[in-house]
Amino acid sequence: QYMIVGGMPQAVETYINTKSFEQTDRIKRDILNLYRSDIRKYAKGVES
């Protein structure tokens, strides 16, 4: 379960509350998309 859920606190909380790997995966993807958004915002000219 830990290997699938990972250690991101928000993902762990979602898993505890829902026992759904699908909902937990959605949370992890949202977090990673926020990281990508930050990267794009500050990597002027070399975003991709």
ModelCIF file with pLDDT and N, C-alpha, C, O atoms, coordinates in Angstrom:
data_MODEL
#
_entry.id   MODEL 
#
_entity.id                         1 
_entity.type                       polymer 
_entity.pdbx_number_of_molecules   1 
#
_entity_poly.entity_id                      1 
_entity_poly.type                           'polypeptide(L)' 
_entity_poly.nstd_linkage                   no 
_entity_poly.nstd_monomer                   no 
_entity_poly.pdbx_seq_one_letter_code       QYMIVGGMPQAVETYINTKSFEQTDRIKRDILNLYRSDIRKYAKGVES 
_entity_poly.pdbx_seq_one_letter_code_can   QYMIVGGMPQAVETYINTKSFEQTDRIKRDILNLYRSDIRKYAKGVES 
_entity_poly.pdbx_strand_id                 A 
#
loop_
_entity_poly_seq.entity_id 
_entity_poly_seq.num 
_entity_poly_seq.mon_id 
_entity_poly_seq.hetero 
1 1  GLN n 
1 2  TYR n 
1 3  MET n 
1 4  ILE n 
1 5  VAL n 
1 6  GLY n 
1 7  GLY n 
1 8  MET n 
1 9  PRO n 
1 10 GLN n 
1 11 ALA n 
1 12 VAL n 
1 13 GLU n 
1 14 THR n 
1 15 TYR n 
1 16 ILE n 
1 17 ASN n 
1 18 THR n 
1 19 LYS n 
1 20 SER n 
1 21 PHE n 
1 22 GLU n 
1 23 GLN n 
1 24 THR n 
1 25 ASP n 
1 26 ARG n 
1 27 ILE n 
1 28 LYS n 
1 29 ARG n 
1 30 ASP n 
1 31 ILE n 
1 32 LEU n 
1 33 ASN n 
1 34 LEU n 
1 35 TYR n 
1 36 ARG n 
1 37 SER n 
1 38 ASP n 
1 39 ILE n 
1 40 ARG n 
1 41 LYS n 
1 42 TYR n 
1 43 ALA n 
1 44 LYS n 
1 45 GLY n 
1 46 VAL n 
1 47 GLU n 
1 48 SER n 
#
_struct_asym.id          A 
_struct_asym.entity_id   1 
#
loop_
_ma_qa_metric.id 
_ma_qa_metric.mode 
_ma_qa_metric.name 
_ma_qa_metric.software_group_id 
_ma_qa_metric.type 
1 global pLDDT . pLDDT 
2 local  pLDDT . pLDDT 
#
_ma_qa_metric_global.metric_id      1 
_ma_qa_metric_global.metric_value   92.69 
_ma_qa_metric_global.model_id       1 
_ma_qa_metric_global.ordinal_id     1 
#
loop_
_ma_qa_metric_local.label_asym_id 
_ma_qa_metric_local.label_comp_id 
_ma_qa_metric_local.label_seq_id 
_ma_qa_metric_local.metric_id 
_ma_qa_metric_local.metric_value 
_ma_qa_metric_local.model_id 
_ma_qa_metric_local.ordinal_id 
A GLN 1  2 98.00 1 1  
A TYR 2  2 97.00 1 2  
A MET 3  2 96.00 1 3  
A ILE 4  2 96.00 1 4  
A VAL 5  2 97.00 1 5  
A GLY 6  2 93.00 1 6  
A GLY 7  2 94.00 1 7  
A MET 8  2 93.00 1 8  
A PRO 9  2 93.00 1 9  
A GLN 10 2 94.00 1 10 
A ALA 11 2 96.00 1 11 
A VAL 12 2 97.00 1 12 
A GLU 13 2 97.00 1 13 
A THR 14 2 97.00 1 14 
A TYR 15 2 98.00 1 15 
A ILE 16 2 97.00 1 16 
A ASN 17 2 97.00 1 17 
A THR 18 2 97.00 1 18 
A LYS 19 2 96.00 1 19 
A SER 20 2 97.00 1 20 
A PHE 21 2 97.00 1 21 
A GLU 22 2 97.00 1 22 
A GLN 23 2 97.00 1 23 
A THR 24 2 97.00 1 24 
A ASP 25 2 97.00 1 25 
A ARG 26 2 97.00 1 26 
A ILE 27 2 96.00 1 27 
A LYS 28 2 95.00 1 28 
A ARG 29 2 94.00 1 29 
A ASP 30 2 94.00 1 30 
A ILE 31 2 91.00 1 31 
A LEU 32 2 91.00 1 32 
A ASN 33 2 92.00 1 33 
A LEU 34 2 88.00 1 34 
A TYR 35 2 87.00 1 35 
A ARG 36 2 90.00 1 36 
A SER 37 2 88.00 1 37 
A ASP 38 2 84.00 1 38 
A ILE 39 2 85.00 1 39 
A ARG 40 2 86.00 1 40 
A LYS 41 2 83.00 1 41 
A TYR 42 2 81.00 1 42 
A ALA 43 2 84.00 1 43 
A LYS 44 2 83.00 1 44 
A GLY 45 2 88.00 1 45 
A VAL 46 2 90.00 1 46 
A GLU 47 2 88.00 1 47 
A SER 48 2 89.00 1 48 
#
loop_
_atom_site.group_PDB 
_atom_site.id 
_atom_site.type_symbol 
_atom_site.label_atom_id 
_atom_site.label_alt_id 
_atom_site.label_comp_id 
_atom_site.label_asym_id 
_atom_site.label_entity_id 
_atom_site.label_seq_id 
_atom_site.pdbx_PDB_ins_code 
_atom_site.Cartn_x 
_atom_site.Cartn_y 
_atom_site.Cartn_z 
_atom_site.occupancy 
_atom_site.B_iso_or_equiv 
_atom_site.pdbx_formal_charge 
_atom_site.auth_seq_id 
_atom_site.auth_comp_id 
_atom_site.auth_asym_id 
_atom_site.auth_atom_id 
_atom_site.pdbx_PDB_model_num 
ATOM 1   N N  . GLN A 1 1  ? 0.839   -1.200 0.000   1.00 98.00 ? 1  GLN A N  1 
ATOM 2   C CA . GLN A 1 1  ? 0.000   0.000  0.000   1.00 98.00 ? 1  GLN A CA 1 
ATOM 3   C C  . GLN A 1 1  ? 0.874   1.250  0.000   1.00 98.00 ? 1  GLN A C  1 
ATOM 4   O O  . GLN A 1 1  ? 0.616   2.200  -0.739  1.00 98.00 ? 1  GLN A O  1 
ATOM 5   N N  . TYR A 1 2  ? 1.914   1.239  0.840   1.00 97.00 ? 2  TYR A N  1 
ATOM 6   C CA . TYR A 1 2  ? 2.826   2.380  0.914   1.00 97.00 ? 2  TYR A CA 1 
ATOM 7   C C  . TYR A 1 2  ? 3.520   2.615  -0.425  1.00 97.00 ? 2  TYR A C  1 
ATOM 8   O O  . TYR A 1 2  ? 3.681   3.762  -0.843  1.00 97.00 ? 2  TYR A O  1 
ATOM 9   N N  . MET A 1 3  ? 3.931   1.543  -1.101  1.00 96.00 ? 3  MET A N  1 
ATOM 10  C CA . MET A 1 3  ? 4.601   1.681  -2.395  1.00 96.00 ? 3  MET A CA 1 
ATOM 11  C C  . MET A 1 3  ? 3.663   2.287  -3.439  1.00 96.00 ? 3  MET A C  1 
ATOM 12  O O  . MET A 1 3  ? 4.117   3.011  -4.324  1.00 96.00 ? 3  MET A O  1 
ATOM 13  N N  . ILE A 1 4  ? 2.395   2.009  -3.351  1.00 96.00 ? 4  ILE A N  1 
ATOM 14  C CA . ILE A 1 4  ? 1.425   2.562  -4.301  1.00 96.00 ? 4  ILE A CA 1 
ATOM 15  C C  . ILE A 1 4  ? 1.035   3.987  -3.904  1.00 96.00 ? 4  ILE A C  1 
ATOM 16  O O  . ILE A 1 4  ? 0.995   4.877  -4.754  1.00 96.00 ? 4  ILE A O  1 
ATOM 17  N N  . VAL A 1 5  ? 0.752   4.203  -2.641  1.00 97.00 ? 5  VAL A N  1 
ATOM 18  C CA . VAL A 1 5  ? 0.277   5.509  -2.163  1.00 97.00 ? 5  VAL A CA 1 
ATOM 19  C C  . VAL A 1 5  ? 1.413   6.513  -2.099  1.00 97.00 ? 5  VAL A C  1 
ATOM 20  O O  . VAL A 1 5  ? 1.230   7.682  -2.439  1.00 97.00 ? 5  VAL A O  1 
ATOM 21  N N  . GLY A 1 6  ? 2.588   6.067  -1.664  1.00 93.00 ? 6  GLY A N  1 
ATOM 22  C CA . GLY A 1 6  ? 3.716   6.970  -1.514  1.00 93.00 ? 6  GLY A CA 1 
ATOM 23  C C  . GLY A 1 6  ? 3.675   7.694  -0.173  1.00 93.00 ? 6  GLY A C  1 
ATOM 24  O O  . GLY A 1 6  ? 2.925   7.318  0.729   1.00 93.00 ? 6  GLY A O  1 
ATOM 25  N N  . GLY A 1 7  ? 4.482   8.724  -0.059  1.00 94.00 ? 7  GLY A N  1 
ATOM 26  C CA . GLY A 1 7  ? 4.609   9.403  1.218   1.00 94.00 ? 7  GLY A CA 1 
ATOM 27  C C  . GLY A 1 7  ? 4.127   10.842 1.233   1.00 94.00 ? 7  GLY A C  1 
ATOM 28  O O  . GLY A 1 7  ? 4.357   11.555 2.209   1.00 94.00 ? 7  GLY A O  1 
ATOM 29  N N  . MET A 1 8  ? 3.458   11.289 0.164   1.00 93.00 ? 8  MET A N  1 
ATOM 30  C CA . MET A 1 8  ? 2.935   12.659 0.180   1.00 93.00 ? 8  MET A CA 1 
ATOM 31  C C  . MET A 1 8  ? 1.772   12.707 1.177   1.00 93.00 ? 8  MET A C  1 
ATOM 32  O O  . MET A 1 8  ? 0.792   11.981 1.013   1.00 93.00 ? 8  MET A O  1 
ATOM 33  N N  . PRO A 1 9  ? 1.873   13.553 2.208   1.00 93.00 ? 9  PRO A N  1 
ATOM 34  C CA . PRO A 1 9  ? 0.841   13.556 3.254   1.00 93.00 ? 9  PRO A CA 1 
ATOM 35  C C  . PRO A 1 9  ? -0.592  13.692 2.733   1.00 93.00 ? 9  PRO A C  1 
ATOM 36  O O  . PRO A 1 9  ? -1.490  13.022 3.243   1.00 93.00 ? 9  PRO A O  1 
ATOM 37  N N  . GLN A 1 10 ? -0.825  14.534 1.738   1.00 94.00 ? 10 GLN A N  1 
ATOM 38  C CA . GLN A 1 10 ? -2.179  14.702 1.214   1.00 94.00 ? 10 GLN A CA 1 
ATOM 39  C C  . GLN A 1 10 ? -2.660  13.414 0.541   1.00 94.00 ? 10 GLN A C  1 
ATOM 40  O O  . GLN A 1 10 ? -3.835  13.062 0.647   1.00 94.00 ? 10 GLN A O  1 
ATOM 41  N N  . ALA A 1 11 ? -1.765  12.717 -0.146  1.00 96.00 ? 11 ALA A N  1 
ATOM 42  C CA . ALA A 1 11 ? -2.125  11.447 -0.783  1.00 96.00 ? 11 ALA A CA 1 
ATOM 43  C C  . ALA A 1 11 ? -2.419  10.390 0.281   1.00 96.00 ? 11 ALA A C  1 
ATOM 44  O O  . ALA A 1 11 ? -3.371  9.621  0.148   1.00 96.00 ? 11 ALA A O  1 
ATOM 45  N N  . VAL A 1 12 ? -1.610  10.350 1.327   1.00 97.00 ? 12 VAL A N  1 
ATOM 46  C CA . VAL A 1 12 ? -1.832  9.378  2.412   1.00 97.00 ? 12 VAL A CA 1 
ATOM 47  C C  . VAL A 1 12 ? -3.174  9.658  3.084   1.00 97.00 ? 12 VAL A C  1 
ATOM 48  O O  . VAL A 1 12 ? -3.940  8.735  3.360   1.00 97.00 ? 12 VAL A O  1 
ATOM 49  N N  . GLU A 1 13 ? -3.451  10.923 3.344   1.00 97.00 ? 13 GLU A N  1 
ATOM 50  C CA . GLU A 1 13 ? -4.727  11.287 3.964   1.00 97.00 ? 13 GLU A CA 1 
ATOM 51  C C  . GLU A 1 13 ? -5.908  10.868 3.079   1.00 97.00 ? 13 GLU A C  1 
ATOM 52  O O  . GLU A 1 13 ? -6.907  10.346 3.575   1.00 97.00 ? 13 GLU A O  1 
ATOM 53  N N  . THR A 1 14 ? -5.788  11.097 1.787   1.00 97.00 ? 14 THR A N  1 
ATOM 54  C CA . THR A 1 14 ? -6.849  10.700 0.864   1.00 97.00 ? 14 THR A CA 1 
ATOM 55  C C  . THR A 1 14 ? -7.043  9.193  0.900   1.00 97.00 ? 14 THR A C  1 
ATOM 56  O O  . THR A 1 14 ? -8.176  8.711  0.925   1.00 97.00 ? 14 THR A O  1 
ATOM 57  N N  . TYR A 1 15 ? -5.944  8.449  0.902   1.00 98.00 ? 15 TYR A N  1 
ATOM 58  C CA . TYR A 1 15 ? -6.052  6.987  0.946   1.00 98.00 ? 15 TYR A CA 1 
ATOM 59  C C  . TYR A 1 15 ? -6.708  6.518  2.246   1.00 98.00 ? 15 TYR A C  1 
ATOM 60  O O  . TYR A 1 15 ? -7.562  5.631  2.229   1.00 98.00 ? 15 TYR A O  1 
ATOM 61  N N  . ILE A 1 16 ? -6.313  7.106  3.355   1.00 97.00 ? 16 ILE A N  1 
ATOM 62  C CA . ILE A 1 16 ? -6.892  6.718  4.651   1.00 97.00 ? 16 ILE A CA 1 
ATOM 63  C C  . ILE A 1 16 ? -8.397  6.968  4.652   1.00 97.00 ? 16 ILE A C  1 
ATOM 64  O O  . ILE A 1 16 ? -9.171  6.143  5.138   1.00 97.00 ? 16 ILE A O  1 
ATOM 65  N N  . ASN A 1 17 ? -8.803  8.117  4.102   1.00 97.00 ? 17 ASN A N  1 
ATOM 66  C CA . ASN A 1 17 ? -10.219 8.486  4.123   1.00 97.00 ? 17 ASN A CA 1 
ATOM 67  C C  . ASN A 1 17 ? -11.061 7.728  3.105   1.00 97.00 ? 17 ASN A C  1 
ATOM 68  O O  . ASN A 1 17 ? -12.253 7.517  3.329   1.00 97.00 ? 17 ASN A O  1 
ATOM 69  N N  . THR A 1 18 ? -10.462 7.315  1.989   1.00 97.00 ? 18 THR A N  1 
ATOM 70  C CA . THR A 1 18 ? -11.258 6.716  0.906   1.00 97.00 ? 18 THR A CA 1 
ATOM 71  C C  . THR A 1 18 ? -10.922 5.259  0.621   1.00 97.00 ? 18 THR A C  1 
ATOM 72  O O  . THR A 1 18 ? -11.744 4.535  0.060   1.00 97.00 ? 18 THR A O  1 
ATOM 73  N N  . LYS A 1 19 ? -9.733  4.823  0.996   1.00 96.00 ? 19 LYS A N  1 
ATOM 74  C CA . LYS A 1 19 ? -9.209  3.487  0.635   1.00 96.00 ? 19 LYS A CA 1 
ATOM 75  C C  . LYS A 1 19 ? -9.242  3.280  -0.884  1.00 96.00 ? 19 LYS A C  1 
ATOM 76  O O  . LYS A 1 19 ? -9.313  2.148  -1.362  1.00 96.00 ? 19 LYS A O  1 
ATOM 77  N N  . SER A 1 20 ? -9.189  4.382  -1.631  1.00 97.00 ? 20 SER A N  1 
ATOM 78  C CA . SER A 1 20 ? -9.253  4.325  -3.085  1.00 97.00 ? 20 SER A CA 1 
ATOM 79  C C  . SER A 1 20 ? -7.904  4.708  -3.682  1.00 97.00 ? 20 SER A C  1 
ATOM 80  O O  . SER A 1 20 ? -7.443  5.839  -3.534  1.00 97.00 ? 20 SER A O  1 
ATOM 81  N N  . PHE A 1 21 ? -7.278  3.744  -4.362  1.00 97.00 ? 21 PHE A N  1 
ATOM 82  C CA . PHE A 1 21 ? -6.025  4.049  -5.046  1.00 97.00 ? 21 PHE A CA 1 
ATOM 83  C C  . PHE A 1 21 ? -6.258  5.048  -6.180  1.00 97.00 ? 21 PHE A C  1 
ATOM 84  O O  . PHE A 1 21 ? -5.391  5.866  -6.485  1.00 97.00 ? 21 PHE A O  1 
ATOM 85  N N  . GLU A 1 22 ? -7.437  4.974  -6.800  1.00 97.00 ? 22 GLU A N  1 
ATOM 86  C CA . GLU A 1 22 ? -7.753  5.879  -7.911  1.00 97.00 ? 22 GLU A CA 1 
ATOM 87  C C  . GLU A 1 22 ? -7.823  7.328  -7.433  1.00 97.00 ? 22 GLU A C  1 
ATOM 88  O O  . GLU A 1 22 ? -7.230  8.211  -8.051  1.00 97.00 ? 22 GLU A O  1 
ATOM 89  N N  . GLN A 1 23 ? -8.535  7.577  -6.347  1.00 97.00 ? 23 GLN A N  1 
ATOM 90  C CA . GLN A 1 23 ? -8.623  8.943  -5.816  1.00 97.00 ? 23 GLN A CA 1 
ATOM 91  C C  . GLN A 1 23 ? -7.268  9.422  -5.299  1.00 97.00 ? 23 GLN A C  1 
ATOM 92  O O  . GLN A 1 23 ? -6.921  10.593 -5.446  1.00 97.00 ? 23 GLN A O  1 
ATOM 93  N N  . THR A 1 24 ? -6.512  8.518  -4.699  1.00 97.00 ? 24 THR A N  1 
ATOM 94  C CA . THR A 1 24 ? -5.182  8.856  -4.204  1.00 97.00 ? 24 THR A CA 1 
ATOM 95  C C  . THR A 1 24 ? -4.263  9.217  -5.368  1.00 97.00 ? 24 THR A C  1 
ATOM 96  O O  . THR A 1 24 ? -3.492  10.173 -5.280  1.00 97.00 ? 24 THR A O  1 
ATOM 97  N N  . ASP A 1 25 ? -4.343  8.462  -6.448  1.00 97.00 ? 25 ASP A N  1 
ATOM 98  C CA . ASP A 1 25 ? -3.532  8.749  -7.630  1.00 97.00 ? 25 ASP A CA 1 
ATOM 99  C C  . ASP A 1 25 ? -3.882  10.119 -8.210  1.00 97.00 ? 25 ASP A C  1 
ATOM 100 O O  . ASP A 1 25 ? -2.999  10.848 -8.661  1.00 97.00 ? 25 ASP A O  1 
ATOM 101 N N  . ARG A 1 26 ? -5.160  10.464 -8.200  1.00 97.00 ? 26 ARG A N  1 
ATOM 102 C CA . ARG A 1 26 ? -5.581  11.782 -8.684  1.00 97.00 ? 26 ARG A CA 1 
ATOM 103 C C  . ARG A 1 26 ? -4.920  12.904 -7.870  1.00 97.00 ? 26 ARG A C  1 
ATOM 104 O O  . ARG A 1 26 ? -4.469  13.903 -8.431  1.00 97.00 ? 26 ARG A O  1 
ATOM 105 N N  . ILE A 1 27 ? -4.869  12.731 -6.568  1.00 96.00 ? 27 ILE A N  1 
ATOM 106 C CA . ILE A 1 27 ? -4.232  13.726 -5.687  1.00 96.00 ? 27 ILE A CA 1 
ATOM 107 C C  . ILE A 1 27 ? -2.750  13.841 -6.020  1.00 96.00 ? 27 ILE A C  1 
ATOM 108 O O  . ILE A 1 27 ? -2.224  14.949 -6.127  1.00 96.00 ? 27 ILE A O  1 
ATOM 109 N N  . LYS A 1 28 ? -2.068  12.698 -6.186  1.00 95.00 ? 28 LYS A N  1 
ATOM 110 C CA . LYS A 1 28 ? -0.633  12.731 -6.517  1.00 95.00 ? 28 LYS A CA 1 
ATOM 111 C C  . LYS A 1 28 ? -0.411  13.423 -7.853  1.00 95.00 ? 28 LYS A C  1 
ATOM 112 O O  . LYS A 1 28 ? 0.523   14.213 -7.990  1.00 95.00 ? 28 LYS A O  1 
ATOM 113 N N  . ARG A 1 29 ? -1.244  13.142 -8.827  1.00 94.00 ? 29 ARG A N  1 
ATOM 114 C CA . ARG A 1 29 ? -1.113  13.798 -10.142 1.00 94.00 ? 29 ARG A CA 1 
ATOM 115 C C  . ARG A 1 29 ? -1.349  15.302 -10.029 1.00 94.00 ? 29 ARG A C  1 
ATOM 116 O O  . ARG A 1 29 ? -0.664  16.088 -10.684 1.00 94.00 ? 29 ARG A O  1 
ATOM 117 N N  . ASP A 1 30 ? -2.314  15.708 -9.200  1.00 94.00 ? 30 ASP A N  1 
ATOM 118 C CA . ASP A 1 30 ? -2.558  17.140 -8.991  1.00 94.00 ? 30 ASP A CA 1 
ATOM 119 C C  . ASP A 1 30 ? -1.331  17.822 -8.389  1.00 94.00 ? 30 ASP A C  1 
ATOM 120 O O  . ASP A 1 30 ? -0.965  18.924 -8.798  1.00 94.00 ? 30 ASP A O  1 
ATOM 121 N N  . ILE A 1 31 ? -0.706  17.170 -7.426  1.00 91.00 ? 31 ILE A N  1 
ATOM 122 C CA . ILE A 1 31 ? 0.496   17.733 -6.793  1.00 91.00 ? 31 ILE A CA 1 
ATOM 123 C C  . ILE A 1 31 ? 1.619   17.860 -7.817  1.00 91.00 ? 31 ILE A C  1 
ATOM 124 O O  . ILE A 1 31 ? 2.282   18.894 -7.893  1.00 91.00 ? 31 ILE A O  1 
ATOM 125 N N  . LEU A 1 32 ? 1.831   16.807 -8.604  1.00 91.00 ? 32 LEU A N  1 
ATOM 126 C CA . LEU A 1 32 ? 2.878   16.857 -9.629  1.00 91.00 ? 32 LEU A CA 1 
ATOM 127 C C  . LEU A 1 32 ? 2.583   17.938 -10.671 1.00 91.00 ? 32 LEU A C  1 
ATOM 128 O O  . LEU A 1 32 ? 3.503   18.593 -11.160 1.00 91.00 ? 32 LEU A O  1 
ATOM 129 N N  . ASN A 1 33 ? 1.317   18.126 -11.010 1.00 92.00 ? 33 ASN A N  1 
ATOM 130 C CA . ASN A 1 33 ? 0.962   19.189 -11.953 1.00 92.00 ? 33 ASN A CA 1 
ATOM 131 C C  . ASN A 1 33 ? 1.233   20.572 -11.367 1.00 92.00 ? 33 ASN A C  1 
ATOM 132 O O  . ASN A 1 33 ? 1.610   21.489 -12.096 1.00 92.00 ? 33 ASN A O  1 
ATOM 133 N N  . LEU A 1 34 ? 1.046   20.730 -10.058 1.00 88.00 ? 34 LEU A N  1 
ATOM 134 C CA . LEU A 1 34 ? 1.410   22.003 -9.409  1.00 88.00 ? 34 LEU A CA 1 
ATOM 135 C C  . LEU A 1 34 ? 2.918   22.237 -9.503  1.00 88.00 ? 34 LEU A C  1 
ATOM 136 O O  . LEU A 1 34 ? 3.357   23.361 -9.746  1.00 88.00 ? 34 LEU A O  1 
ATOM 137 N N  . TYR A 1 35 ? 3.712   21.179 -9.312  1.00 87.00 ? 35 TYR A N  1 
ATOM 138 C CA . TYR A 1 35 ? 5.174   21.304 -9.460  1.00 87.00 ? 35 TYR A CA 1 
ATOM 139 C C  . TYR A 1 35 ? 5.516   21.722 -10.888 1.00 87.00 ? 35 TYR A C  1 
ATOM 140 O O  . TYR A 1 35 ? 6.330   22.622 -11.098 1.00 87.00 ? 35 TYR A O  1 
ATOM 141 N N  . ARG A 1 36 ? 4.893   21.066 -11.867 1.00 90.00 ? 36 ARG A N  1 
ATOM 142 C CA . ARG A 1 36 ? 5.157   21.413 -13.271 1.00 90.00 ? 36 ARG A CA 1 
ATOM 143 C C  . ARG A 1 36 ? 4.766   22.857 -13.560 1.00 90.00 ? 36 ARG A C  1 
ATOM 144 O O  . ARG A 1 36 ? 5.463   23.559 -14.291 1.00 90.00 ? 36 ARG A O  1 
ATOM 145 N N  . SER A 1 37 ? 3.663   23.293 -12.992 1.00 88.00 ? 37 SER A N  1 
ATOM 146 C CA . SER A 1 37 ? 3.208   24.671 -13.174 1.00 88.00 ? 37 SER A CA 1 
ATOM 147 C C  . SER A 1 37 ? 4.229   25.658 -12.611 1.00 88.00 ? 37 SER A C  1 
ATOM 148 O O  . SER A 1 37 ? 4.531   26.672 -13.239 1.00 88.00 ? 37 SER A O  1 
ATOM 149 N N  . ASP A 1 38 ? 4.757   25.356 -11.427 1.00 84.00 ? 38 ASP A N  1 
ATOM 150 C CA . ASP A 1 38 ? 5.810   26.195 -10.840 1.00 84.00 ? 38 ASP A CA 1 
ATOM 151 C C  . ASP A 1 38 ? 7.038   26.232 -11.743 1.00 84.00 ? 38 ASP A C  1 
ATOM 152 O O  . ASP A 1 38 ? 7.627   27.291 -11.958 1.00 84.00 ? 38 ASP A O  1 
ATOM 153 N N  . ILE A 1 39 ? 7.417   25.075 -12.267 1.00 85.00 ? 39 ILE A N  1 
ATOM 154 C CA . ILE A 1 39 ? 8.588   24.993 -13.145 1.00 85.00 ? 39 ILE A CA 1 
ATOM 155 C C  . ILE A 1 39 ? 8.371   25.861 -14.374 1.00 85.00 ? 39 ILE A C  1 
ATOM 156 O O  . ILE A 1 39 ? 9.248   26.639 -14.750 1.00 85.00 ? 39 ILE A O  1 
ATOM 157 N N  . ARG A 1 40 ? 7.215   25.733 -14.996 1.00 86.00 ? 40 ARG A N  1 
ATOM 158 C CA . ARG A 1 40 ? 6.932   26.521 -16.214 1.00 86.00 ? 40 ARG A CA 1 
ATOM 159 C C  . ARG A 1 40 ? 6.939   28.015 -15.924 1.00 86.00 ? 40 ARG A C  1 
ATOM 160 O O  . ARG A 1 40 ? 7.381   28.820 -16.743 1.00 86.00 ? 40 ARG A O  1 
ATOM 161 N N  . LYS A 1 41 ? 6.443   28.370 -14.746 1.00 83.00 ? 41 LYS A N  1 
ATOM 162 C CA . LYS A 1 41 ? 6.332   29.779 -14.389 1.00 83.00 ? 41 LYS A CA 1 
ATOM 163 C C  . LYS A 1 41 ? 7.698   30.454 -14.295 1.00 83.00 ? 41 LYS A C  1 
ATOM 164 O O  . LYS A 1 41 ? 7.838   31.630 -14.631 1.00 83.00 ? 41 LYS A O  1 
ATOM 165 N N  . TYR A 1 42 ? 8.697   29.715 -13.841 1.00 81.00 ? 42 TYR A N  1 
ATOM 166 C CA . TYR A 1 42 ? 9.997   30.333 -13.561 1.00 81.00 ? 42 TYR A CA 1 
ATOM 167 C C  . TYR A 1 42 ? 11.123  29.881 -14.479 1.00 81.00 ? 42 TYR A C  1 
ATOM 168 O O  . TYR A 1 42 ? 12.246  30.368 -14.344 1.00 81.00 ? 42 TYR A O  1 
ATOM 169 N N  . ALA A 1 43 ? 10.865  28.976 -15.398 1.00 84.00 ? 43 ALA A N  1 
ATOM 170 C CA . ALA A 1 43 ? 11.901  28.496 -16.326 1.00 84.00 ? 43 ALA A CA 1 
ATOM 171 C C  . ALA A 1 43 ? 11.758  29.221 -17.660 1.00 84.00 ? 43 ALA A C  1 
ATOM 172 O O  . ALA A 1 43 ? 11.639  28.593 -18.712 1.00 84.00 ? 43 ALA A O  1 
ATOM 173 N N  . LYS A 1 44 ? 11.770  30.506 -17.604 1.00 83.00 ? 44 LYS A N  1 
ATOM 174 C CA . LYS A 1 44 ? 11.529  31.344 -18.788 1.00 83.00 ? 44 LYS A CA 1 
ATOM 175 C C  . LYS A 1 44 ? 12.391  30.914 -19.970 1.00 83.00 ? 44 LYS A C  1 
ATOM 176 O O  . LYS A 1 44 ? 13.618  30.882 -19.885 1.00 83.00 ? 44 LYS A O  1 
ATOM 177 N N  . GLY A 1 45 ? 11.726  30.585 -21.069 1.00 88.00 ? 45 GLY A N  1 
ATOM 178 C CA . GLY A 1 45 ? 12.418  30.247 -22.302 1.00 88.00 ? 45 GLY A CA 1 
ATOM 179 C C  . GLY A 1 45 ? 12.836  28.796 -22.444 1.00 88.00 ? 45 GLY A C  1 
ATOM 180 O O  . GLY A 1 45 ? 13.121  28.343 -23.553 1.00 88.00 ? 45 GLY A O  1 
ATOM 181 N N  . VAL A 1 46 ? 12.878  28.060 -21.344 1.00 90.00 ? 46 VAL A N  1 
ATOM 182 C CA . VAL A 1 46 ? 13.287  26.647 -21.407 1.00 90.00 ? 46 VAL A CA 1 
ATOM 183 C C  . VAL A 1 46 ? 12.273  25.756 -20.686 1.00 90.00 ? 46 VAL A C  1 
ATOM 184 O O  . VAL A 1 46 ? 12.615  24.690 -20.175 1.00 90.00 ? 46 VAL A O  1 
ATOM 185 N N  . GLU A 1 47 ? 11.033  26.212 -20.655 1.00 88.00 ? 47 GLU A N  1 
ATOM 186 C CA . GLU A 1 47 ? 10.002  25.520 -19.900 1.00 88.00 ? 47 GLU A CA 1 
ATOM 187 C C  . GLU A 1 47 ? 9.884   24.046 -20.261 1.00 88.00 ? 47 GLU A C  1 
ATOM 188 O O  . GLU A 1 47 ? 9.905   23.183 -19.383 1.00 88.00 ? 47 GLU A O  1 
ATOM 189 N N  . SER A 1 48 ? 9.760   23.758 -21.559 1.00 89.00 ? 48 SER A N  1 
ATOM 190 C CA . SER A 1 48 ? 9.527   22.366 -21.952 1.00 89.00 ? 48 SER A CA 1 
ATOM 191 C C  . SER A 1 48 ? 10.725  21.481 -21.625 1.00 89.00 ? 48 SER A C  1 
ATOM 192 O O  . SER A 1 48 ? 10.696  20.279 -21.891 1.00 89.00 ? 48 SER A O  1 
#
